[in-house]
Amino acid sequence: MAQERKIPMRTCIACRQEKPKREMLRIVKNAAGEISLDFSGKVAGRGAYICNDPACVKKLGEYRLLNKAFSAAVPEEVYTRIEEEFGAK
């Protein structure tokens, strides 16, 4: 009898919905404090997950949700870059 693989679930920091990890976008803060989108899901560092949805990306910037997720002040240009990277994806 084959064992069923457990699907890793993550919670969106914008809408608080729990979804499979593969359906989410990962935003990572590395040891140097740089914040970027992680499309591979394997970059080392503290990760925060967001739905692959324009409404959640907008909410992320509107409410400065990364400040809370990473317990640090996140510069405005980081939010702008994430919105641009998401749009370009």
Protein backbone atom coordinates (compact mmCIF):
# COMPACT_ATOMS: atom_id res chain seq x y z
CA MET A 1 0.00 0.00 0.00
CA ALA A 2 1.54 3.32 -1.13
CA GLN A 3 1.74 6.07 1.44
CA GLU A 4 -0.04 9.30 0.44
CA ARG A 5 2.24 12.31 0.19
CA LYS A 6 1.30 15.14 2.50
CA ILE A 7 0.79 18.43 0.64
CA PRO A 8 2.54 21.31 2.43
CA MET A 9 0.10 24.13 3.18
CA ARG A 10 0.93 27.79 3.71
CA THR A 11 -1.14 30.81 4.83
CA CYS A 12 -1.30 33.97 2.72
CA ILE A 13 -0.19 37.00 4.76
CA ALA A 14 -2.72 39.19 2.90
CA CYS A 15 -6.01 37.22 2.83
CA ARG A 16 -5.11 34.64 5.54
CA GLN A 17 -6.32 31.73 3.36
CA GLU A 18 -4.46 28.45 3.60
CA LYS A 19 -3.45 26.97 0.25
CA PRO A 20 -0.97 24.41 -1.09
CA LYS A 21 2.59 25.78 -1.03
CA ARG A 22 3.02 25.33 -4.81
CA GLU A 23 0.11 27.70 -5.53
CA MET A 24 1.65 30.52 -3.48
CA LEU A 25 4.33 33.13 -4.13
CA ARG A 26 7.18 33.16 -1.62
CA ILE A 27 8.78 36.41 -0.54
CA VAL A 28 12.11 35.84 1.16
CA LYS A 29 14.37 37.91 3.39
CA ASN A 30 17.93 36.59 3.25
CA ALA A 31 20.68 36.87 5.89
CA ALA A 32 21.85 40.18 4.36
CA GLY A 33 18.35 41.60 4.85
CA GLU A 34 17.53 41.74 1.12
CA ILE A 35 13.91 41.01 0.27
CA SER A 36 12.86 39.48 -3.05
CA LEU A 37 10.34 37.20 -4.72
CA ASP A 38 11.43 33.57 -4.68
CA PHE A 39 9.91 31.74 -7.64
CA SER A 40 11.84 28.51 -6.92
CA GLY A 41 10.73 28.28 -3.27
CA LYS A 42 14.25 27.21 -2.30
CA VAL A 43 16.14 30.45 -1.55
CA ALA A 44 17.63 30.45 1.95
CA GLY A 45 16.09 32.87 4.41
CA ARG A 46 12.88 33.79 6.19
CA GLY A 47 9.89 33.28 3.92
CA ALA A 48 6.45 34.81 3.81
CA TYR A 49 3.75 33.51 1.47
CA ILE A 50 1.19 35.37 -0.59
CA CYS A 51 -1.53 34.20 -3.01
CA ASN A 52 -0.74 34.36 -6.70
CA ASP A 53 -3.49 36.96 -6.96
CA PRO A 54 -3.24 40.69 -7.90
CA ALA A 55 -5.64 41.63 -5.06
CA CYS A 56 -3.33 40.05 -2.45
CA VAL A 57 -0.23 41.67 -3.98
CA LYS A 58 -2.01 45.06 -3.83
CA LYS A 59 -3.04 44.46 -0.21
CA LEU A 60 0.56 43.53 0.63
CA GLY A 61 1.76 47.02 -0.32
CA GLU A 62 -1.32 48.86 0.91
CA TYR A 63 -1.08 47.52 4.46
CA ARG A 64 2.74 47.07 4.59
CA LEU A 65 2.30 43.41 5.54
CA LEU A 66 5.99 42.51 5.11
CA ASN A 67 6.92 44.81 8.00
CA LYS A 68 4.99 42.51 10.33
CA ALA A 69 6.00 39.24 8.63
CA PHE A 70 9.73 40.03 8.84
CA SER A 71 9.58 42.10 12.06
CA ALA A 72 11.51 44.88 10.34
CA ALA A 73 10.95 48.16 8.53
CA VAL A 74 10.64 47.33 4.84
CA PRO A 75 11.46 50.19 2.42
CA GLU A 76 8.79 51.42 -0.03
CA GLU A 77 10.90 50.40 -3.06
CA VAL A 78 10.73 46.73 -1.97
CA TYR A 79 6.92 46.79 -2.22
CA THR A 80 7.14 48.56 -5.60
CA ARG A 81 9.66 46.00 -6.90
CA ILE A 82 7.50 43.06 -5.74
CA GLU A 83 4.47 44.53 -7.54
CA GLU A 84 6.57 45.02 -10.71
CA GLU A 85 8.06 41.49 -10.51
CA PHE A 86 4.59 40.01 -9.97
CA GLY A 87 3.22 41.92 -12.96
CA ALA A 88 6.15 40.79 -15.15
CA LYS A 89 5.76 37.12 -14.17
